[in-house]
N, C-alpha and C. Protein backbone atom coordinates (compact mmCIF):
# COMPACT_ATOMS: atom_id res chain seq x y z
N MET A 1 3.99 -31.68 8.78
CA MET A 1 2.06 -31.13 9.04
C MET A 1 2.29 -29.83 9.92
N THR A 2 2.71 -30.14 10.73
CA THR A 2 2.86 -28.71 11.88
C THR A 2 3.05 -27.45 11.15
N ARG A 3 4.29 -27.70 10.39
CA ARG A 3 4.84 -26.60 9.78
C ARG A 3 3.57 -25.83 8.26
N LYS A 4 3.24 -27.15 8.25
CA LYS A 4 2.45 -26.37 7.38
C LYS A 4 1.00 -25.46 7.70
N VAL A 5 0.43 -26.04 8.82
CA VAL A 5 -0.41 -25.22 9.97
C VAL A 5 0.10 -23.97 10.26
N PHE A 6 1.77 -23.94 10.47
CA PHE A 6 1.64 -23.15 11.29
C PHE A 6 1.86 -21.57 10.30
N PHE A 7 2.36 -22.04 9.21
CA PHE A 7 2.79 -21.39 7.85
C PHE A 7 1.04 -20.86 6.94
N ILE A 8 -0.06 -21.61 7.63
CA ILE A 8 -1.12 -21.23 7.10
C ILE A 8 -1.70 -20.08 8.04
N VAL A 9 -1.46 -20.29 9.74
CA VAL A 9 -2.23 -19.65 10.45
C VAL A 9 -1.20 -18.20 9.97
N ILE A 10 0.32 -17.83 9.96
CA ILE A 10 1.28 -16.80 9.41
C ILE A 10 0.57 -16.15 8.35
N VAL A 11 0.14 -16.94 7.30
CA VAL A 11 -0.47 -16.21 6.02
C VAL A 11 -1.48 -15.70 6.53
N ILE A 12 -2.85 -16.50 7.24
CA ILE A 12 -3.71 -15.55 7.56
C ILE A 12 -3.93 -14.97 8.75
N CYS A 13 -2.79 -14.26 9.46
CA CYS A 13 -2.96 -13.64 10.31
C CYS A 13 -2.11 -12.41 9.29
N GLY A 14 -1.23 -12.31 8.86
CA GLY A 14 -0.47 -11.41 7.67
C GLY A 14 -2.03 -11.14 7.08
N ILE A 15 -2.91 -11.49 6.46
CA ILE A 15 -4.15 -10.62 5.76
C ILE A 15 -4.73 -10.09 6.46
N LEU A 16 -5.25 -10.84 8.09
CA LEU A 16 -6.12 -10.51 8.73
C LEU A 16 -5.91 -9.33 9.54
N LEU A 17 -4.87 -9.39 10.03
CA LEU A 17 -4.04 -8.49 10.98
C LEU A 17 -4.04 -7.11 10.62
N PRO A 18 -3.50 -6.65 9.40
CA PRO A 18 -3.46 -5.31 8.87
C PRO A 18 -5.15 -4.83 8.62
N THR A 19 -5.76 -5.70 8.60
CA THR A 19 -7.57 -5.01 8.68
C THR A 19 -8.14 -4.33 10.05
N PHE A 20 -7.44 -4.88 10.99
CA PHE A 20 -7.73 -4.39 12.19
C PHE A 20 -6.62 -3.77 13.06
N ALA A 21 -5.89 -3.53 11.93
CA ALA A 21 -4.55 -2.71 13.01
C ALA A 21 -4.60 -1.04 12.46
N GLY A 22 -5.41 -0.64 13.09
CA GLY A 22 -5.26 1.13 13.41
C GLY A 22 -6.69 1.80 11.77
N GLY A 23 -7.34 0.55 11.42
CA GLY A 23 -8.31 1.03 10.98
C GLY A 23 -7.90 1.03 9.70
N PHE A 24 -7.04 0.25 9.04
CA PHE A 24 -6.88 0.63 7.80
C PHE A 24 -7.44 -0.24 7.10
N GLU A 25 -8.57 0.29 5.81
CA GLU A 25 -9.20 -0.19 5.09
C GLU A 25 -8.80 -0.52 3.90
N PRO A 26 -8.23 -2.34 3.42
CA PRO A 26 -7.40 -2.58 2.59
C PRO A 26 -8.67 -3.12 1.35
N GLU A 27 -9.53 -2.25 1.44
CA GLU A 27 -10.74 -2.40 -0.01
C GLU A 27 -10.14 -1.07 -0.67
N TYR A 28 -9.39 -0.92 -1.69
CA TYR A 28 -8.85 -0.11 -2.68
C TYR A 28 -8.06 -0.63 -3.96
N SER A 29 -7.88 0.10 -4.75
CA SER A 29 -8.15 -0.41 -6.40
C SER A 29 -5.96 0.67 -6.27
N ILE A 30 -5.68 0.31 -7.34
CA ILE A 30 -4.45 1.12 -7.52
C ILE A 30 -3.90 1.51 -8.94
N SER A 31 -3.79 2.08 -9.85
CA SER A 31 -3.36 2.63 -10.97
C SER A 31 -2.09 3.71 -11.37
N GLY A 32 -1.37 3.71 -12.00
CA GLY A 32 -0.20 4.32 -12.46
C GLY A 32 -1.22 5.66 -13.04
N ALA A 33 -0.60 7.04 -12.59
CA ALA A 33 -1.46 7.93 -12.73
C ALA A 33 -0.60 9.09 -13.91
N GLY A 34 0.26 8.38 -14.02
CA GLY A 34 1.59 9.37 -14.99
C GLY A 34 2.75 9.52 -14.88
N THR A 35 3.73 10.12 -15.11
CA THR A 35 4.80 10.38 -14.97
C THR A 35 5.55 11.07 -13.74
N ALA A 36 6.24 10.93 -12.70
CA ALA A 36 6.87 11.28 -11.69
C ALA A 36 7.97 11.82 -11.84
N LYS A 37 8.28 12.93 -10.73
CA LYS A 37 10.08 13.40 -10.71
C LYS A 37 10.95 11.71 -10.41
N GLN A 38 12.21 11.71 -10.66
CA GLN A 38 12.83 10.36 -10.00
C GLN A 38 12.54 10.09 -8.67
N ASP A 39 12.73 8.83 -8.39
CA ASP A 39 12.11 8.44 -7.06
C ASP A 39 10.93 8.31 -6.80
N PHE A 40 9.69 8.65 -7.54
CA PHE A 40 8.99 8.90 -6.98
C PHE A 40 7.89 8.10 -8.12
N TYR A 41 6.98 7.94 -7.41
CA TYR A 41 5.91 7.07 -8.16
C TYR A 41 4.24 8.15 -7.86
N LEU A 42 3.55 8.43 -9.28
CA LEU A 42 2.37 8.59 -9.15
C LEU A 42 1.12 7.88 -9.46
N VAL A 43 0.72 7.73 -8.68
CA VAL A 43 -0.47 6.72 -8.55
C VAL A 43 -2.32 7.45 -8.18
N ASN A 44 -2.70 6.67 -8.97
CA ASN A 44 -4.50 6.98 -8.50
C ASN A 44 -4.46 5.71 -7.74
N VAL A 45 -5.35 6.30 -6.68
CA VAL A 45 -5.65 4.93 -5.68
C VAL A 45 -6.78 5.22 -5.73
N GLU A 46 -7.99 4.15 -5.41
CA GLU A 46 -9.67 4.63 -4.79
C GLU A 46 -9.61 3.73 -3.66
N VAL A 47 -10.60 3.82 -2.62
CA VAL A 47 -10.54 3.61 -1.31
C VAL A 47 -12.45 3.16 -1.26
N SER A 48 -12.56 1.95 -1.59
CA SER A 48 -14.01 1.91 -1.24
C SER A 48 -14.44 1.82 0.74
N THR A 49 -14.78 2.47 0.87
CA THR A 49 -15.56 2.89 2.60
C THR A 49 -17.16 3.60 2.50
N LYS A 50 -17.41 2.85 4.42
CA LYS A 50 -18.46 3.86 4.25
C LYS A 50 -18.54 5.38 4.68
N ASN A 51 -17.19 5.34 4.96
CA ASN A 51 -17.33 7.09 5.16
C ASN A 51 -16.45 8.00 4.64
N LYS A 52 -17.49 8.75 3.66
CA LYS A 52 -16.97 9.34 2.88
C LYS A 52 -15.76 10.48 2.64
N ASN A 53 -15.44 10.58 4.39
CA ASN A 53 -14.69 11.64 4.70
C ASN A 53 -13.28 10.79 5.49
N ILE A 54 -12.68 9.95 5.22
CA ILE A 54 -11.43 9.36 5.10
C ILE A 54 -10.41 10.48 5.00
N PRO A 55 -9.27 10.19 5.78
CA PRO A 55 -8.23 11.31 6.05
C PRO A 55 -7.60 11.24 4.60
N ASP A 56 -6.85 12.00 4.46
CA ASP A 56 -5.74 11.73 3.12
C ASP A 56 -4.60 10.47 3.74
N LYS A 57 -4.14 10.68 4.76
CA LYS A 57 -3.14 9.40 5.22
C LYS A 57 -3.71 8.55 5.01
N ASP A 58 -5.33 8.23 5.26
CA ASP A 58 -5.48 6.70 4.96
C ASP A 58 -5.53 6.18 3.27
N LEU A 59 -5.67 7.37 2.42
CA LEU A 59 -5.45 7.27 1.05
C LEU A 59 -4.27 6.77 0.90
N ILE A 60 -3.21 7.34 1.51
CA ILE A 60 -1.40 7.57 1.45
C ILE A 60 -1.01 6.02 1.68
N LYS A 61 -1.68 5.57 2.59
CA LYS A 61 -1.38 4.18 3.26
C LYS A 61 -2.16 3.23 2.16
N ALA A 62 -2.72 3.38 1.38
CA ALA A 62 -3.37 2.37 0.66
C ALA A 62 -2.64 2.29 -0.67
N ALA A 63 -2.43 3.74 -1.02
CA ALA A 63 -0.79 3.69 -2.12
C ALA A 63 0.32 3.01 -2.17
N VAL A 64 0.53 3.19 -0.51
CA VAL A 64 1.86 2.62 -0.45
C VAL A 64 1.78 1.28 -0.23
N ASN A 65 0.37 0.93 0.76
CA ASN A 65 0.59 -0.54 0.36
C ASN A 65 0.03 -1.21 -1.03
N GLY A 66 -0.05 -0.66 -1.81
CA GLY A 66 -0.23 -1.23 -3.18
C GLY A 66 0.88 -1.22 -4.11
N VAL A 67 1.73 0.11 -4.09
CA VAL A 67 3.13 0.15 -4.21
C VAL A 67 3.93 -1.22 -4.20
N LEU A 68 3.51 -1.45 -2.72
CA LEU A 68 4.74 -3.07 -1.65
C LEU A 68 4.01 -3.86 -2.60
N PHE A 69 2.56 -4.13 -2.43
CA PHE A 69 2.13 -5.69 -2.38
C PHE A 69 1.59 -5.88 -4.04
N ARG A 70 1.05 -5.21 -4.34
CA ARG A 70 0.23 -5.12 -5.92
C ARG A 70 1.32 -4.90 -6.97
N GLY A 71 1.65 -3.53 -6.83
CA GLY A 71 2.30 -2.94 -8.12
C GLY A 71 1.44 -2.49 -8.81
N PHE A 72 1.26 -1.88 -10.31
CA PHE A 72 0.28 -1.07 -10.62
C PHE A 72 0.78 -0.74 -12.52
N SER A 73 -0.10 -0.68 -13.18
CA SER A 73 0.12 -0.12 -14.50
C SER A 73 -0.20 1.26 -14.94
N ASN A 74 0.65 1.54 -15.68
CA ASN A 74 0.61 2.81 -16.18
C ASN A 74 -0.16 2.86 -17.77
N ALA A 75 -1.78 2.80 -17.66
CA ALA A 75 -2.15 2.50 -19.03
C ALA A 75 -1.78 3.36 -19.76
N GLY A 76 -1.83 5.14 -19.40
CA GLY A 76 -1.60 5.40 -20.89
C GLY A 76 -0.54 5.70 -21.13
N PHE A 77 0.94 4.80 -20.71
CA PHE A 77 2.19 4.99 -20.58
C PHE A 77 2.48 3.51 -21.60
N GLY A 78 1.70 2.43 -21.39
CA GLY A 78 2.53 1.24 -21.39
C GLY A 78 3.07 0.45 -20.83
N ASP A 79 3.22 0.81 -19.54
CA ASP A 79 4.28 -0.02 -18.46
C ASP A 79 3.50 -0.07 -17.28
N SER A 80 4.40 -1.48 -16.46
CA SER A 80 3.52 -1.60 -15.28
C SER A 80 4.62 -1.55 -14.53
N GLN A 81 4.52 -1.39 -13.05
CA GLN A 81 5.58 -1.32 -12.26
C GLN A 81 5.43 -2.44 -10.83
N LYS A 82 6.53 -3.61 -10.80
CA LYS A 82 6.17 -4.88 -9.89
C LYS A 82 6.24 -3.99 -8.45
N PRO A 83 6.02 -5.03 -7.58
CA PRO A 83 5.57 -4.61 -6.27
C PRO A 83 6.76 -4.57 -5.40
N LEU A 84 7.16 -3.44 -5.06
CA LEU A 84 8.51 -3.49 -4.42
C LEU A 84 8.82 -4.53 -3.13
N ALA A 85 8.06 -4.24 -2.79
CA ALA A 85 7.92 -5.96 -1.55
C ALA A 85 8.25 -6.93 -2.21
N GLY A 86 8.40 -7.55 -3.38
CA GLY A 86 8.07 -8.83 -3.61
C GLY A 86 6.15 -8.87 -4.03
N ASP A 87 5.67 -10.24 -2.78
CA ASP A 87 4.42 -10.63 -3.10
C ASP A 87 3.92 -10.97 -1.58
N ALA A 88 3.05 -11.35 -1.62
CA ALA A 88 2.41 -12.01 -0.11
C ALA A 88 3.18 -12.42 0.53
N SER A 89 3.83 -12.99 0.48
CA SER A 89 4.60 -13.91 1.30
C SER A 89 5.79 -13.07 2.12
N ASN A 90 6.51 -12.15 1.71
CA ASN A 90 6.72 -10.80 2.02
C ASN A 90 6.04 -10.53 3.34
N GLU A 91 4.76 -10.14 3.15
CA GLU A 91 4.05 -9.78 4.18
C GLU A 91 3.84 -10.45 5.09
N ALA A 92 3.38 -11.51 4.82
CA ALA A 92 3.05 -12.84 5.87
C ALA A 92 4.65 -12.88 6.65
N GLN A 93 5.65 -12.92 5.95
CA GLN A 93 6.36 -12.86 7.10
C GLN A 93 7.64 -11.81 7.68
N HIS A 94 7.16 -10.88 7.59
CA HIS A 94 7.53 -9.88 8.53
C HIS A 94 5.85 -8.95 8.70
N ALA A 95 4.82 -10.09 8.96
CA ALA A 95 4.32 -9.14 9.51
C ALA A 95 3.72 -8.41 10.57
N ASP A 96 4.72 -8.44 11.86
CA ASP A 96 4.77 -7.62 12.71
C ASP A 96 5.28 -5.95 11.93
N PHE A 97 6.07 -6.66 11.36
CA PHE A 97 6.80 -4.84 11.33
C PHE A 97 5.47 -4.69 9.82
N TYR A 98 4.77 -4.95 9.42
CA TYR A 98 3.87 -4.30 8.44
C TYR A 98 2.72 -3.85 9.36
N ASN A 99 2.57 -4.42 10.24
CA ASN A 99 1.42 -3.91 11.00
C ASN A 99 1.27 -3.05 11.73
N GLU A 100 2.55 -2.91 12.42
CA GLU A 100 2.79 -1.12 13.02
C GLU A 100 3.26 -0.32 11.90
N PHE A 101 4.15 -0.76 10.73
CA PHE A 101 4.24 0.44 9.74
C PHE A 101 2.86 0.87 9.21
N PHE A 102 1.97 0.17 8.96
CA PHE A 102 0.59 0.21 8.81
C PHE A 102 0.08 0.92 9.85
N GLY A 103 -0.28 0.89 11.12
CA GLY A 103 -1.18 1.13 12.18
C GLY A 103 -1.49 2.27 12.28
N LYS A 104 -2.33 2.40 13.19
CA LYS A 104 -2.66 3.95 13.70
C LYS A 104 -1.68 4.66 13.70
N ASP A 105 -0.29 4.10 14.37
CA ASP A 105 0.52 5.93 14.72
C ASP A 105 2.01 5.11 13.76
N GLY A 106 1.73 4.22 12.69
CA GLY A 106 1.91 3.81 11.69
C GLY A 106 3.17 5.01 10.81
N THR A 107 4.25 4.45 10.42
CA THR A 107 5.03 5.72 9.16
C THR A 107 4.79 5.40 7.72
N ALA A 108 3.79 4.56 7.60
CA ALA A 108 3.58 4.23 5.61
C ALA A 108 2.88 5.59 5.14
N SER A 109 2.01 6.08 6.08
CA SER A 109 1.68 7.96 5.49
C SER A 109 2.92 9.12 5.31
N ASN A 110 3.79 8.53 5.98
CA ASN A 110 4.92 9.68 5.66
C ASN A 110 5.28 9.17 3.97
N TYR A 111 5.46 8.22 3.36
CA TYR A 111 6.21 8.34 2.28
C TYR A 111 5.27 8.73 0.90
N GLY A 112 3.89 9.33 1.46
CA GLY A 112 3.37 10.08 0.19
C GLY A 112 2.83 11.17 0.65
N SER A 113 2.39 12.15 -0.54
CA SER A 113 1.42 13.11 -0.43
C SER A 113 0.42 12.97 -1.40
N VAL A 114 -0.69 13.73 -1.17
CA VAL A 114 -1.95 13.27 -1.94
C VAL A 114 -1.96 15.05 -2.91
N ILE A 115 -2.19 15.13 -4.12
CA ILE A 115 -2.13 16.09 -5.25
C ILE A 115 -2.94 16.66 -4.78
N ASN A 116 -2.62 18.11 -4.38
CA ASN A 116 -4.03 19.28 -4.21
C ASN A 116 -4.75 18.77 -5.35
N GLY A 117 -5.97 19.15 -4.86
CA GLY A 117 -7.02 18.79 -5.86
C GLY A 117 -8.03 17.70 -6.99
N SER A 118 -6.94 16.58 -6.18
CA SER A 118 -7.47 15.35 -6.98
C SER A 118 -8.25 14.23 -5.91
N ARG A 119 -8.61 14.48 -5.32
CA ARG A 119 -9.45 14.13 -4.20
C ARG A 119 -11.01 14.21 -5.12
N ARG A 120 -11.38 12.76 -5.12
CA ARG A 120 -13.14 13.17 -5.55
C ARG A 120 -13.70 11.33 -4.80
N VAL A 121 -15.08 12.31 -4.32
CA VAL A 121 -15.98 10.69 -3.93
C VAL A 121 -16.59 10.57 -4.75
N ILE A 122 -16.98 9.62 -4.63
CA ILE A 122 -18.46 9.09 -5.67
C ILE A 122 -18.93 7.76 -4.63
N LYS A 123 -20.86 8.09 -4.58
CA LYS A 123 -21.16 7.56 -3.87
C LYS A 123 -21.78 5.92 -4.63
N SER A 124 -22.25 5.49 -4.11
CA SER A 124 -22.32 4.08 -4.77
C SER A 124 -23.13 2.65 -4.31
N GLY A 125 -24.20 3.02 -3.55
CA GLY A 125 -25.65 2.34 -2.95
C GLY A 125 -24.91 2.70 -1.54
N LYS A 126 -24.23 2.10 -0.68
CA LYS A 126 -23.81 2.44 0.82
C LYS A 126 -23.07 2.57 1.04
N ILE A 127 -21.89 2.23 -0.10
CA ILE A 127 -20.54 2.44 -0.05
C ILE A 127 -20.08 4.04 -0.76
N TYR A 128 -18.96 4.27 -0.45
CA TYR A 128 -18.12 5.57 -1.03
C TYR A 128 -16.72 5.21 -1.63
N LYS A 129 -16.66 5.55 -2.88
CA LYS A 129 -15.43 4.98 -3.48
C LYS A 129 -14.55 6.85 -3.32
N VAL A 130 -13.59 6.88 -2.97
CA VAL A 130 -12.97 8.01 -2.76
C VAL A 130 -11.51 7.58 -2.91
N SER A 131 -10.88 8.79 -3.92
CA SER A 131 -10.13 8.64 -5.32
C SER A 131 -8.95 9.95 -4.61
N ALA A 132 -8.02 9.53 -4.82
CA ALA A 132 -7.10 10.94 -5.38
C ALA A 132 -5.62 10.61 -5.85
N ILE A 133 -4.97 11.08 -6.86
CA ILE A 133 -3.74 10.86 -6.80
C ILE A 133 -2.70 11.39 -5.93
N VAL A 134 -2.00 10.10 -5.71
CA VAL A 134 -1.04 10.19 -4.57
C VAL A 134 0.84 10.13 -5.70
N GLU A 135 1.58 11.04 -4.84
CA GLU A 135 2.79 10.75 -5.04
C GLU A 135 3.67 9.99 -4.02
N VAL A 136 4.06 8.92 -4.10
CA VAL A 136 4.52 8.04 -3.39
C VAL A 136 5.92 8.09 -3.72
N ASN A 137 7.00 8.40 -2.35
CA ASN A 137 8.24 8.31 -2.69
C ASN A 137 9.07 7.21 -2.59
N LYS A 138 9.21 6.39 -3.53
CA LYS A 138 9.61 5.52 -3.62
C LYS A 138 11.24 5.02 -3.12
N GLY A 139 12.08 6.29 -3.61
CA GLY A 139 13.29 6.17 -3.05
C GLY A 139 13.70 6.14 -1.52
N ALA A 140 12.92 6.72 -1.16
CA ALA A 140 12.83 6.74 0.58
C ALA A 140 12.18 5.70 1.41
N LEU A 141 10.87 5.15 0.21
CA LEU A 141 10.51 3.55 1.01
C LEU A 141 11.59 2.51 0.88
N VAL A 142 11.90 2.56 -0.12
CA VAL A 142 13.04 1.18 -0.25
C VAL A 142 14.07 1.61 0.39
N HIS A 143 14.76 2.45 0.84
CA HIS A 143 15.84 3.04 1.89
C HIS A 143 15.14 2.11 3.21
N TYR A 144 14.15 2.78 3.25
CA TYR A 144 13.46 2.69 4.87
C TYR A 144 13.22 0.76 4.92
N LEU A 145 12.94 0.05 3.79
CA LEU A 145 13.01 -0.99 3.97
C LEU A 145 13.68 -2.01 3.91
N GLN A 146 14.70 -1.34 3.18
CA GLN A 146 15.97 -2.03 3.03
C GLN A 146 17.14 -1.77 4.76
N SER A 147 16.95 -0.52 4.80
CA SER A 147 17.65 -0.66 6.42
C SER A 147 16.72 -0.85 7.63
N ALA A 148 15.79 -1.15 7.77
CA ALA A 148 14.72 -2.46 8.67
C ALA A 148 15.07 -4.10 8.03
N ASN A 149 15.70 -4.53 7.01
CA ASN A 149 16.16 -6.07 6.54
C ASN A 149 14.77 -6.54 6.17
N ILE A 150 14.01 -5.71 5.38
CA ILE A 150 12.55 -6.30 4.91
C ILE A 150 13.06 -6.67 3.52
N ILE A 151 13.39 -5.81 2.72
CA ILE A 151 13.97 -6.02 1.56
C ILE A 151 15.51 -5.75 1.42
N ASN A 152 16.24 -6.62 0.41
CA ASN A 152 17.87 -5.79 0.40
C ASN A 152 18.08 -5.54 -0.96
N SER A 153 17.03 -5.77 -1.83
CA SER A 153 17.23 -4.47 -3.17
C SER A 153 15.78 -4.61 -4.01
N LEU A 154 15.61 -4.02 -5.03
CA LEU A 154 14.20 -4.11 -5.42
C LEU A 154 13.92 -5.58 -5.97
N ASN A 155 14.48 -5.73 -6.41
CA ASN A 155 14.49 -7.79 -6.80
C ASN A 155 14.42 -8.50 -6.01
N SER A 156 14.95 -8.52 -4.71
CA SER A 156 15.71 -9.19 -4.06
C SER A 156 14.85 -9.41 -2.35
N ILE A 157 14.03 -10.39 -2.04
CA ILE A 157 13.62 -10.08 -0.59
C ILE A 157 14.21 -11.33 0.50
N PHE A 158 14.36 -10.87 1.48
CA PHE A 158 15.25 -12.07 2.33
C PHE A 158 14.04 -12.78 2.94
């Protein structure tokens, strides 16, 4: 019984802590934006926020989070990419690592870049939908996660 309670607490912390760590906003959607050069993903990310002037850093964090935990489909190309980190259990299991990685001074934003001229802002009621095309460095991200013992290959999680 205590194991189940402990696991539930870990999962809840894994879900809630990134929300409060460094202001990262988890309200986003991600989809493929075409083909990119080798070891990179090209994704369209849309963040829902109350502030239309969010930094590119937050768009990149959302794109990296999506690549790691959600995966995405490339509708125009008929293929999809699985999440690099497997599933949400990996995020809960390594919550301390991911809280630091996505935190205010974290390194998640080092693994992507916003494509110039792709940023769009649309107001929807009291919420802004800020979108951009982000190039995510999949090769460097996988290497970093492997060196931190978070994943041991693209398909296998510790």
